[in-house]
Amino acid sequence: MSTKRIVALVAASLCLWGALIGSALAAEAAAKPATSWVYPLIPKFGAVHPRPDLPEQPDPKVDYKVFVDVVSGNPDHAKPLESLDRLARLVNLMAYAKVPASHVHIVALIERQATPAVFGNAMYRQHFKVDNPNLEILHALKIAGVHLVVCSQALAGMGVADSEVSPDVTVTLSALTDAVVYGQRGYSYMQL
């Protein structure tokens, strides 16, 4: 068999395999149902995939008290923290379950690698050379009723003054004591 013929057979085989794999991937994609996302309370952040068919749902008659310790940073300082988006999802999940805002009490402590998320634009630019992409989501969380706090010990360690923190965030004594104080008040602990 000539080299040209072998090359032609290999090329034809590769094309056939490519077509078969492409068809299989297209069929798999077509078989998956389209996923819908909603934003019941906080627009643009914390998307929720509705699942009313599942048994465990928040009860609208219950009072929920959650202390969220936001510690995860983001290596790309030009993008909002994923941990803040997950916090927005928690708020949106409660709203989706029709839990009244008066029954949802969330305190979100921002510390460790997440601390720079609370910087005002000037301080954020000084550290990362871009505007703070977290300010919009912080404001949306505050409007939705989340009490946002930042550890003053972390700020001091970074040389950041209280005045350089977003006005949507309250400076608190420390992450260490806040976890204890809110735990004593009956808040469930969650870390993001």
N, C-alpha and C. Protein backbone atom coordinates (compact mmCIF):
# COMPACT_ATOMS: atom_id res chain seq x y z
N MET A 1 0.86 -1.17 0.00
CA MET A 1 0.00 0.00 0.00
C MET A 1 0.90 1.23 0.00
N SER A 2 0.54 2.20 -0.81
CA SER A 2 1.37 3.40 -0.93
C SER A 2 1.20 4.31 0.28
N THR A 3 2.18 5.18 0.47
CA THR A 3 2.15 6.13 1.59
C THR A 3 0.97 7.08 1.46
N LYS A 4 0.68 7.49 0.20
CA LYS A 4 -0.46 8.39 0.00
C LYS A 4 -1.76 7.73 0.42
N ARG A 5 -1.89 6.47 0.08
CA ARG A 5 -3.12 5.74 0.43
C ARG A 5 -3.25 5.58 1.94
N ILE A 6 -2.14 5.28 2.62
CA ILE A 6 -2.15 5.13 4.08
C ILE A 6 -2.54 6.46 4.73
N VAL A 7 -1.96 7.54 4.25
CA VAL A 7 -2.27 8.87 4.80
C VAL A 7 -3.75 9.19 4.58
N ALA A 8 -4.28 8.86 3.40
CA ALA A 8 -5.69 9.12 3.11
C ALA A 8 -6.59 8.28 4.01
N LEU A 9 -6.24 7.01 4.25
CA LEU A 9 -7.04 6.17 5.14
C LEU A 9 -7.00 6.68 6.58
N VAL A 10 -5.84 7.09 7.06
CA VAL A 10 -5.71 7.63 8.42
C VAL A 10 -6.54 8.91 8.54
N ALA A 11 -6.44 9.78 7.54
CA ALA A 11 -7.21 11.03 7.57
C ALA A 11 -8.70 10.75 7.57
N ALA A 12 -9.14 9.81 6.78
CA ALA A 12 -10.57 9.47 6.73
C ALA A 12 -11.01 8.88 8.06
N SER A 13 -10.17 8.04 8.67
CA SER A 13 -10.50 7.45 9.98
C SER A 13 -10.63 8.54 11.04
N LEU A 14 -9.69 9.46 11.02
CA LEU A 14 -9.73 10.56 12.00
C LEU A 14 -10.98 11.41 11.81
N CYS A 15 -11.34 11.68 10.58
CA CYS A 15 -12.56 12.46 10.32
C CYS A 15 -13.79 11.72 10.83
N LEU A 16 -13.84 10.41 10.58
CA LEU A 16 -14.97 9.61 11.04
C LEU A 16 -15.06 9.63 12.57
N TRP A 17 -13.93 9.43 13.25
CA TRP A 17 -13.91 9.47 14.72
C TRP A 17 -14.32 10.84 15.23
N GLY A 18 -13.83 11.88 14.59
CA GLY A 18 -14.19 13.25 15.00
C GLY A 18 -15.69 13.48 14.86
N ALA A 19 -16.26 12.99 13.77
CA ALA A 19 -17.70 13.15 13.56
C ALA A 19 -18.50 12.37 14.60
N LEU A 20 -18.06 11.16 14.92
CA LEU A 20 -18.74 10.34 15.92
C LEU A 20 -18.66 11.00 17.30
N ILE A 21 -17.49 11.47 17.68
CA ILE A 21 -17.33 12.12 18.98
C ILE A 21 -18.16 13.40 19.03
N GLY A 22 -18.12 14.17 17.94
CA GLY A 22 -18.91 15.41 17.88
C GLY A 22 -20.40 15.13 18.02
N SER A 23 -20.87 14.08 17.36
CA SER A 23 -22.29 13.70 17.45
C SER A 23 -22.64 13.26 18.87
N ALA A 24 -21.76 12.49 19.49
CA ALA A 24 -22.02 12.03 20.86
C ALA A 24 -22.07 13.21 21.83
N LEU A 25 -21.15 14.16 21.69
CA LEU A 25 -21.15 15.34 22.57
C LEU A 25 -22.39 16.19 22.34
N ALA A 26 -22.80 16.33 21.09
CA ALA A 26 -24.01 17.11 20.79
C ALA A 26 -25.24 16.44 21.37
N ALA A 27 -25.30 15.12 21.27
CA ALA A 27 -26.46 14.39 21.82
C ALA A 27 -26.49 14.50 23.34
N GLU A 28 -25.30 14.43 23.97
CA GLU A 28 -25.24 14.56 25.43
C GLU A 28 -25.68 15.96 25.86
N ALA A 29 -25.23 16.98 25.15
CA ALA A 29 -25.63 18.36 25.48
C ALA A 29 -27.12 18.55 25.29
N ALA A 30 -27.67 17.96 24.24
CA ALA A 30 -29.11 18.10 23.97
C ALA A 30 -29.94 17.36 25.02
N ALA A 31 -29.39 16.29 25.58
CA ALA A 31 -30.13 15.50 26.57
C ALA A 31 -30.21 16.21 27.92
N LYS A 32 -29.26 17.11 28.21
CA LYS A 32 -29.27 17.82 29.49
C LYS A 32 -30.34 18.90 29.47
N PRO A 33 -31.13 18.97 30.53
CA PRO A 33 -32.15 20.01 30.57
C PRO A 33 -31.50 21.39 30.77
N ALA A 34 -32.16 22.40 30.26
CA ALA A 34 -31.66 23.76 30.43
C ALA A 34 -31.78 24.14 31.90
N THR A 35 -30.75 24.76 32.42
CA THR A 35 -30.74 25.18 33.82
C THR A 35 -31.22 26.61 33.90
N SER A 36 -32.20 26.85 34.76
CA SER A 36 -32.70 28.21 34.95
C SER A 36 -32.15 28.75 36.27
N TRP A 37 -31.92 30.05 36.30
CA TRP A 37 -31.39 30.73 37.48
C TRP A 37 -32.27 31.94 37.78
N VAL A 38 -32.51 32.17 39.07
CA VAL A 38 -33.32 33.31 39.48
C VAL A 38 -32.58 34.10 40.56
N TYR A 39 -32.99 35.34 40.73
CA TYR A 39 -32.42 36.25 41.72
C TYR A 39 -33.58 36.84 42.53
N PRO A 40 -34.11 36.12 43.52
CA PRO A 40 -35.32 36.56 44.22
C PRO A 40 -35.19 37.86 45.00
N LEU A 41 -34.01 38.19 45.51
CA LEU A 41 -33.87 39.40 46.31
C LEU A 41 -32.70 40.28 45.88
N ILE A 42 -31.57 39.66 45.58
CA ILE A 42 -30.37 40.42 45.19
C ILE A 42 -30.14 40.24 43.70
N PRO A 43 -30.43 41.27 42.90
CA PRO A 43 -30.21 41.16 41.46
C PRO A 43 -28.72 41.02 41.13
N LYS A 44 -28.41 40.25 40.11
CA LYS A 44 -27.07 40.08 39.56
C LYS A 44 -26.13 39.20 40.38
N PHE A 45 -26.44 38.93 41.65
CA PHE A 45 -25.52 38.16 42.50
C PHE A 45 -26.27 37.02 43.18
N GLY A 46 -25.55 35.92 43.42
CA GLY A 46 -26.13 34.82 44.18
C GLY A 46 -27.25 34.10 43.49
N ALA A 47 -27.04 33.74 42.24
CA ALA A 47 -28.07 33.04 41.46
C ALA A 47 -28.52 31.76 42.15
N VAL A 48 -29.82 31.48 42.06
CA VAL A 48 -30.43 30.31 42.66
C VAL A 48 -31.10 29.48 41.57
N HIS A 49 -30.85 28.18 41.60
CA HIS A 49 -31.52 27.25 40.70
C HIS A 49 -32.74 26.71 41.44
N PRO A 50 -33.96 27.06 41.02
CA PRO A 50 -35.17 26.63 41.72
C PRO A 50 -35.32 25.10 41.77
N ARG A 51 -35.60 24.58 42.97
CA ARG A 51 -35.85 23.15 43.15
C ARG A 51 -36.94 22.96 44.20
N PRO A 52 -38.18 23.35 43.90
CA PRO A 52 -39.27 23.19 44.86
C PRO A 52 -39.62 21.73 45.12
N ASP A 53 -39.11 20.82 44.29
CA ASP A 53 -39.42 19.41 44.40
C ASP A 53 -38.62 18.69 45.49
N LEU A 54 -37.61 19.34 46.04
CA LEU A 54 -36.76 18.69 47.03
C LEU A 54 -37.32 18.86 48.44
N PRO A 55 -37.13 17.86 49.32
CA PRO A 55 -37.80 17.88 50.62
C PRO A 55 -37.27 18.91 51.62
N GLU A 56 -35.97 19.17 51.65
CA GLU A 56 -35.42 20.09 52.64
C GLU A 56 -35.44 21.52 52.10
N GLN A 57 -36.36 22.30 52.62
CA GLN A 57 -36.51 23.70 52.23
C GLN A 57 -36.55 24.55 53.50
N PRO A 58 -36.02 25.78 53.46
CA PRO A 58 -36.17 26.65 54.63
C PRO A 58 -37.65 26.89 54.93
N ASP A 59 -37.98 26.94 56.21
CA ASP A 59 -39.35 27.11 56.66
C ASP A 59 -39.63 28.60 56.88
N PRO A 60 -40.58 29.18 56.16
CA PRO A 60 -40.88 30.61 56.30
C PRO A 60 -41.33 31.02 57.70
N LYS A 61 -41.73 30.06 58.55
CA LYS A 61 -42.19 30.41 59.90
C LYS A 61 -41.04 30.46 60.92
N VAL A 62 -39.86 30.01 60.52
CA VAL A 62 -38.72 29.92 61.44
C VAL A 62 -37.86 31.18 61.34
N ASP A 63 -37.27 31.56 62.48
CA ASP A 63 -36.30 32.65 62.52
C ASP A 63 -34.91 32.05 62.29
N TYR A 64 -34.17 32.55 61.31
CA TYR A 64 -32.84 32.04 61.00
C TYR A 64 -31.80 33.07 61.39
N LYS A 65 -30.83 32.64 62.20
CA LYS A 65 -29.73 33.50 62.64
C LYS A 65 -28.43 32.82 62.21
N VAL A 66 -27.71 33.48 61.30
CA VAL A 66 -26.51 32.88 60.73
C VAL A 66 -25.34 33.86 60.84
N PHE A 67 -24.24 33.37 61.38
CA PHE A 67 -22.99 34.12 61.42
C PHE A 67 -22.10 33.54 60.34
N VAL A 68 -21.83 34.33 59.31
CA VAL A 68 -21.04 33.86 58.17
C VAL A 68 -19.64 34.45 58.26
N ASP A 69 -18.66 33.59 58.35
CA ASP A 69 -17.26 33.99 58.42
C ASP A 69 -16.69 33.94 57.00
N VAL A 70 -16.54 35.10 56.39
CA VAL A 70 -16.06 35.19 55.00
C VAL A 70 -14.55 35.33 55.04
N VAL A 71 -13.86 34.26 54.68
CA VAL A 71 -12.40 34.23 54.79
C VAL A 71 -11.69 34.06 53.44
N SER A 72 -12.39 33.55 52.43
CA SER A 72 -11.75 33.21 51.16
C SER A 72 -11.52 34.43 50.29
N GLY A 73 -10.29 34.59 49.87
CA GLY A 73 -9.93 35.67 48.96
C GLY A 73 -10.02 35.22 47.52
N ASN A 74 -9.49 36.03 46.64
CA ASN A 74 -9.50 35.72 45.21
C ASN A 74 -8.16 36.17 44.64
N PRO A 75 -7.43 35.29 43.96
CA PRO A 75 -6.14 35.70 43.39
C PRO A 75 -6.29 36.76 42.30
N ASP A 76 -7.45 36.84 41.67
CA ASP A 76 -7.70 37.86 40.65
C ASP A 76 -8.43 39.02 41.31
N HIS A 77 -7.69 40.04 41.66
CA HIS A 77 -8.25 41.17 42.41
C HIS A 77 -9.15 42.07 41.57
N ALA A 78 -9.26 41.77 40.29
CA ALA A 78 -10.16 42.54 39.43
C ALA A 78 -11.56 41.93 39.38
N LYS A 79 -11.75 40.80 40.06
CA LYS A 79 -13.06 40.13 40.08
C LYS A 79 -13.61 40.09 41.50
N PRO A 80 -14.95 40.14 41.64
CA PRO A 80 -15.54 40.04 42.99
C PRO A 80 -15.25 38.68 43.62
N LEU A 81 -15.24 38.65 44.93
CA LEU A 81 -15.00 37.40 45.65
C LEU A 81 -16.14 36.41 45.43
N GLU A 82 -15.79 35.18 45.13
CA GLU A 82 -16.81 34.13 44.99
C GLU A 82 -17.51 33.90 46.32
N SER A 83 -16.79 34.09 47.42
CA SER A 83 -17.41 33.88 48.74
C SER A 83 -18.52 34.89 48.99
N LEU A 84 -18.39 36.12 48.47
CA LEU A 84 -19.47 37.10 48.62
C LEU A 84 -20.65 36.72 47.73
N ASP A 85 -20.39 36.15 46.57
CA ASP A 85 -21.48 35.69 45.71
C ASP A 85 -22.22 34.53 46.37
N ARG A 86 -21.49 33.65 47.06
CA ARG A 86 -22.14 32.54 47.79
C ARG A 86 -22.99 33.09 48.94
N LEU A 87 -22.50 34.15 49.58
CA LEU A 87 -23.29 34.80 50.63
C LEU A 87 -24.58 35.35 50.04
N ALA A 88 -24.49 35.97 48.87
CA ALA A 88 -25.69 36.47 48.19
C ALA A 88 -26.62 35.32 47.84
N ARG A 89 -26.06 34.16 47.49
CA ARG A 89 -26.90 32.99 47.20
C ARG A 89 -27.66 32.55 48.44
N LEU A 90 -27.02 32.58 49.60
CA LEU A 90 -27.71 32.23 50.84
C LEU A 90 -28.92 33.15 51.05
N VAL A 91 -28.72 34.44 50.85
CA VAL A 91 -29.81 35.41 51.00
C VAL A 91 -30.91 35.11 49.98
N ASN A 92 -30.52 34.87 48.73
CA ASN A 92 -31.50 34.59 47.69
C ASN A 92 -32.23 33.26 47.91
N LEU A 93 -31.55 32.26 48.46
CA LEU A 93 -32.21 30.99 48.76
C LEU A 93 -33.30 31.18 49.81
N MET A 94 -33.01 31.98 50.82
CA MET A 94 -34.02 32.26 51.85
C MET A 94 -35.21 33.00 51.23
N ALA A 95 -34.92 33.96 50.39
CA ALA A 95 -36.00 34.72 49.73
C ALA A 95 -36.79 33.81 48.79
N TYR A 96 -36.10 32.93 48.08
CA TYR A 96 -36.78 31.99 47.18
C TYR A 96 -37.74 31.09 47.97
N ALA A 97 -37.33 30.71 49.19
CA ALA A 97 -38.16 29.85 50.03
C ALA A 97 -39.26 30.65 50.74
N LYS A 98 -39.36 31.92 50.42
CA LYS A 98 -40.39 32.81 50.98
C LYS A 98 -40.25 33.02 52.48
N VAL A 99 -39.00 32.94 52.97
CA VAL A 99 -38.74 33.29 54.36
C VAL A 99 -38.74 34.82 54.43
N PRO A 100 -39.60 35.41 55.25
CA PRO A 100 -39.67 36.88 55.32
C PRO A 100 -38.33 37.46 55.78
N ALA A 101 -37.99 38.62 55.26
CA ALA A 101 -36.74 39.28 55.64
C ALA A 101 -36.64 39.46 57.15
N SER A 102 -37.77 39.64 57.82
CA SER A 102 -37.76 39.80 59.27
C SER A 102 -37.38 38.51 60.01
N HIS A 103 -37.32 37.39 59.29
CA HIS A 103 -36.94 36.11 59.88
C HIS A 103 -35.53 35.67 59.49
N VAL A 104 -34.83 36.52 58.74
CA VAL A 104 -33.47 36.18 58.28
C VAL A 104 -32.51 37.19 58.89
N HIS A 105 -31.63 36.70 59.75
CA HIS A 105 -30.66 37.55 60.45
C HIS A 105 -29.27 37.02 60.11
N ILE A 106 -28.60 37.71 59.21
CA ILE A 106 -27.27 37.27 58.78
C ILE A 106 -26.25 38.34 59.13
N VAL A 107 -25.22 37.92 59.85
CA VAL A 107 -24.06 38.76 60.12
C VAL A 107 -22.92 38.14 59.34
N ALA A 108 -22.28 38.94 58.49
CA ALA A 108 -21.17 38.43 57.69
C ALA A 108 -19.89 39.15 58.12
N LEU A 109 -18.98 38.39 58.71
CA LEU A 109 -17.70 38.92 59.14
C LEU A 109 -16.69 38.68 58.01
N ILE A 110 -16.05 39.74 57.57
CA ILE A 110 -15.08 39.63 56.48
C ILE A 110 -13.69 39.76 57.09
N GLU A 111 -12.89 38.72 56.90
CA GLU A 111 -11.56 38.69 57.52
C GLU A 111 -10.58 37.89 56.67
N ARG A 112 -9.39 37.71 57.18
CA ARG A 112 -8.28 36.99 56.55
C ARG A 112 -8.07 37.44 55.11
N GLN A 113 -8.01 36.48 54.16
CA GLN A 113 -7.73 36.83 52.76
C GLN A 113 -8.85 37.65 52.14
N ALA A 114 -10.03 37.64 52.72
CA ALA A 114 -11.16 38.39 52.17
C ALA A 114 -11.15 39.86 52.60
N THR A 115 -10.34 40.23 53.58
CA THR A 115 -10.35 41.59 54.14
C THR A 115 -10.27 42.69 53.08
N PRO A 116 -9.40 42.62 52.09
CA PRO A 116 -9.32 43.72 51.12
C PRO A 116 -10.63 44.00 50.37
N ALA A 117 -11.56 43.05 50.37
CA ALA A 117 -12.84 43.26 49.68
C ALA A 117 -13.59 44.46 50.24
N VAL A 118 -13.32 44.84 51.49
CA VAL A 118 -14.06 45.94 52.11
C VAL A 118 -13.38 47.29 51.93
N PHE A 119 -12.21 47.32 51.30
CA PHE A 119 -11.50 48.58 51.11
C PHE A 119 -12.29 49.50 50.18
N GLY A 120 -12.23 50.80 50.45
CA GLY A 120 -12.74 51.77 49.49
C GLY A 120 -11.87 51.73 48.25
N ASN A 121 -12.33 52.36 47.18
CA ASN A 121 -11.60 52.30 45.91
C ASN A 121 -10.17 52.81 46.00
N ALA A 122 -9.95 53.93 46.71
CA ALA A 122 -8.60 54.51 46.78
C ALA A 122 -7.62 53.51 47.41
N MET A 123 -8.00 52.91 48.54
CA MET A 123 -7.12 51.95 49.20
C MET A 123 -6.96 50.69 48.36
N TYR A 124 -8.03 50.24 47.73
CA TYR A 124 -7.96 49.04 46.90
C TYR A 124 -7.02 49.28 45.71
N ARG A 125 -7.15 50.45 45.08
CA ARG A 125 -6.25 50.78 43.96
C ARG A 125 -4.80 50.83 44.42
N GLN A 126 -4.58 51.37 45.62
CA GLN A 126 -3.22 51.46 46.17
C GLN A 126 -2.61 50.06 46.31
N HIS A 127 -3.42 49.10 46.71
CA HIS A 127 -2.94 47.73 46.91
C HIS A 127 -2.89 46.91 45.62
N PHE A 128 -3.92 47.07 44.76
CA PHE A 128 -4.06 46.15 43.63
C PHE A 128 -4.11 46.80 42.25
N LYS A 129 -4.04 48.12 42.18
CA LYS A 129 -3.98 48.86 40.90
C LYS A 129 -5.26 48.78 40.08
N VAL A 130 -6.37 48.39 40.69
CA VAL A 130 -7.69 48.37 40.04
C VAL A 130 -8.74 48.84 41.04
N ASP A 131 -9.91 49.26 40.52
CA ASP A 131 -11.02 49.60 41.41
C ASP A 131 -11.52 48.34 42.11
N ASN A 132 -12.12 48.53 43.27
CA ASN A 132 -12.62 47.40 44.06
C ASN A 132 -13.88 46.83 43.41
N PRO A 133 -13.80 45.62 42.85
CA PRO A 133 -14.97 45.01 42.20
C PRO A 133 -16.00 44.48 43.19
N ASN A 134 -15.70 44.53 44.48
CA ASN A 134 -16.59 43.99 45.51
C ASN A 134 -17.58 45.01 46.05
N LEU A 135 -17.38 46.28 45.76
CA LEU A 135 -18.22 47.31 46.35
C LEU A 135 -19.69 47.17 45.97
N GLU A 136 -19.96 46.79 44.73
CA GLU A 136 -21.35 46.64 44.28
C GLU A 136 -22.07 45.51 45.03
N ILE A 137 -21.41 44.38 45.18
CA ILE A 137 -22.05 43.26 45.87
C ILE A 137 -22.17 43.55 47.36
N LEU A 138 -21.19 44.23 47.96
CA LEU A 138 -21.30 44.61 49.37
C LEU A 138 -22.52 45.49 49.59
N HIS A 139 -22.71 46.46 48.70
CA HIS A 139 -23.86 47.36 48.82
C HIS A 139 -25.17 46.59 48.66
N ALA A 140 -25.21 45.68 47.69
CA ALA A 140 -26.42 44.87 47.46
C ALA A 140 -26.73 44.00 48.68
N LEU A 141 -25.71 43.43 49.30
CA LEU A 141 -25.90 42.61 50.50
C LEU A 141 -26.45 43.45 51.65
N LYS A 142 -25.91 44.65 51.81
CA LYS A 142 -26.39 45.52 52.89
C LYS A 142 -27.84 45.91 52.66
N ILE A 143 -28.18 46.26 51.43
CA ILE A 143 -29.56 46.62 51.10
C ILE A 143 -30.50 45.45 51.39
N ALA A 144 -30.01 44.22 51.17
CA ALA A 144 -30.82 43.02 51.40
C ALA A 144 -30.92 42.66 52.89
N GLY A 145 -30.25 43.41 53.75
CA GLY A 145 -30.38 43.19 55.18
C GLY A 145 -29.23 42.46 55.86
N VAL A 146 -28.17 42.16 55.12
CA VAL A 146 -27.01 41.50 55.73
C VAL A 146 -26.20 42.54 56.50
N HIS A 147 -25.87 42.23 57.75
CA HIS A 147 -25.02 43.11 58.56
C HIS A 147 -23.58 42.72 58.27
N LEU A 148 -22.86 43.58 57.56
CA LEU A 148 -21.48 43.32 57.15
C LEU A 148 -20.51 43.95 58.14
N VAL A 149 -19.56 43.15 58.62
CA VAL A 149 -18.56 43.65 59.55
C VAL A 149 -17.17 43.19 59.10
N VAL A 150 -16.16 43.96 59.50
CA VAL A 150 -14.78 43.59 59.19
C VAL A 150 -13.97 43.65 60.48
N CYS A 151 -13.03 42.76 60.60
CA CYS A 151 -12.18 42.65 61.78
C CYS A 151 -11.19 43.81 61.85
N SER A 152 -11.25 44.59 62.96
CA SER A 152 -10.33 45.73 63.11
C SER A 152 -8.90 45.25 63.30
N GLN A 153 -8.73 44.05 63.83
CA GLN A 153 -7.38 43.50 64.01
C GLN A 153 -6.74 43.24 62.64
N ALA A 154 -7.53 42.73 61.70
CA ALA A 154 -7.02 42.48 60.34
C ALA A 154 -6.68 43.80 59.66
N LEU A 155 -7.56 44.81 59.83
CA LEU A 155 -7.29 46.12 59.23
C LEU A 155 -6.00 46.71 59.79
N ALA A 156 -5.84 46.63 61.13
CA ALA A 156 -4.63 47.17 61.76
C ALA A 156 -3.38 46.46 61.25
N GLY A 157 -3.48 45.15 61.10
CA GLY A 157 -2.34 44.38 60.59
C GLY A 157 -1.96 44.76 59.18
N MET A 158 -2.93 45.27 58.41
CA MET A 158 -2.67 45.68 57.02
C MET A 158 -2.37 47.17 56.92
N GLY A 159 -2.45 47.87 58.05
CA GLY A 159 -2.20 49.32 58.03
C GLY A 159 -3.32 50.11 57.39
N VAL A 160 -4.56 49.64 57.51
CA VAL A 160 -5.71 50.29 56.87
C VAL A 160 -6.56 50.95 57.96
N ALA A 161 -6.85 52.23 57.79
CA ALA A 161 -7.67 52.97 58.74
C ALA A 161 -9.15 52.67 58.52
N ASP A 162 -9.94 52.83 59.58
CA ASP A 162 -11.39 52.62 59.49
C ASP A 162 -12.00 53.47 58.38
N SER A 163 -11.50 54.67 58.18
CA SER A 163 -12.04 55.59 57.18
C SER A 163 -11.82 55.11 55.75
N GLU A 164 -10.96 54.11 55.58
CA GLU A 164 -10.67 53.59 54.24
C GLU A 164 -11.49 52.34 53.91
N VAL A 165 -12.50 52.08 54.76
CA VAL A 165 -13.38 50.92 54.59
C VAL A 165 -14.69 51.40 53.95
N SER A 166 -15.28 50.56 53.12
CA SER A 166 -16.57 50.86 52.49
C SER A 166 -17.59 51.28 53.54
N PRO A 167 -18.41 52.30 53.25
CA PRO A 167 -19.43 52.72 54.20
C PRO A 167 -20.52 51.66 54.43
N ASP A 168 -20.56 50.61 53.62
CA ASP A 168 -21.53 49.53 53.79
C ASP A 168 -21.09 48.51 54.84
N VAL A 169 -19.87 48.68 55.36
CA VAL A 169 -19.28 47.71 56.27
C VAL A 169 -18.96 48.39 57.60
N THR A 170 -19.27 47.71 58.70
CA THR A 170 -18.98 48.20 60.05
C THR A 170 -17.70 47.56 60.56
N VAL A 171 -16.84 48.36 61.16
CA VAL A 171 -15.61 47.83 61.75
C VAL A 171 -15.96 47.28 63.13
N THR A 172 -15.49 46.06 63.42
CA THR A 172 -15.78 45.39 64.69
C THR A 172 -14.47 45.06 65.39
N LEU A 173 -14.53 44.76 66.68
CA LEU A 173 -13.32 44.52 67.46
C LEU A 173 -12.45 43.42 66.86
N SER A 174 -13.01 42.22 66.72
CA SER A 174 -12.19 41.14 66.18
C SER A 174 -13.03 39.97 65.71
N ALA A 175 -12.47 39.25 64.77
CA ALA A 175 -13.13 38.04 64.27
C ALA A 175 -13.21 37.00 65.38
N LEU A 176 -12.17 36.92 66.19
CA LEU A 176 -12.13 35.92 67.26
C LEU A 176 -13.26 36.12 68.26
N THR A 177 -13.49 37.36 68.68
CA THR A 177 -14.53 37.59 69.67
C THR A 177 -15.92 37.59 69.05
N ASP A 178 -16.06 38.07 67.82
CA ASP A 178 -17.38 38.11 67.18
C ASP A 178 -17.98 36.71 67.03
N ALA A 179 -17.15 35.74 66.67
CA ALA A 179 -17.65 34.37 66.52
C ALA A 179 -18.22 33.87 67.84
N VAL A 180 -17.56 34.22 68.94
CA VAL A 180 -18.02 33.80 70.26
C VAL A 180 -19.30 34.56 70.65
N VAL A 181 -19.28 35.89 70.47
CA VAL A 181 -20.42 36.72 70.85
C VAL A 181 -21.68 36.29 70.11
N TYR A 182 -21.58 36.13 68.79
CA TYR A 182 -22.77 35.75 68.03
C TYR A 182 -23.16 34.30 68.28
N GLY A 183 -22.21 33.44 68.57
CA GLY A 183 -22.53 32.07 68.95
C GLY A 183 -23.35 32.04 70.23
N GLN A 184 -23.00 32.90 71.20
CA GLN A 184 -23.76 33.00 72.45
C GLN A 184 -25.17 33.52 72.21
N ARG A 185 -25.35 34.27 71.13
CA ARG A 185 -26.66 34.82 70.80
C ARG A 185 -27.50 33.85 69.97
N GLY A 186 -27.01 32.67 69.74
CA GLY A 186 -27.77 31.65 69.04
C GLY A 186 -27.59 31.62 67.53
N TYR A 187 -26.56 32.25 67.02
CA TYR A 187 -26.29 32.25 65.58
C TYR A 187 -25.58 30.97 65.17
N SER A 188 -26.01 30.36 64.09
CA SER A 188 -25.30 29.21 63.50
C SER A 188 -24.08 29.74 62.78
N TYR A 189 -23.00 28.98 62.83
CA TYR A 189 -21.74 29.38 62.21
C TYR A 189 -21.59 28.76 60.83
N MET A 190 -21.16 29.56 59.89
CA MET A 190 -20.89 29.09 58.52
C MET A 190 -19.63 29.79 58.03
N GLN A 191 -18.77 29.08 57.35
CA GLN A 191 -17.56 29.71 56.79
C GLN A 191 -17.57 29.63 55.28
N LEU A 192 -17.25 30.75 54.66
CA LEU A 192 -17.15 30.81 53.19
C LEU A 192 -15.76 31.30 52.81
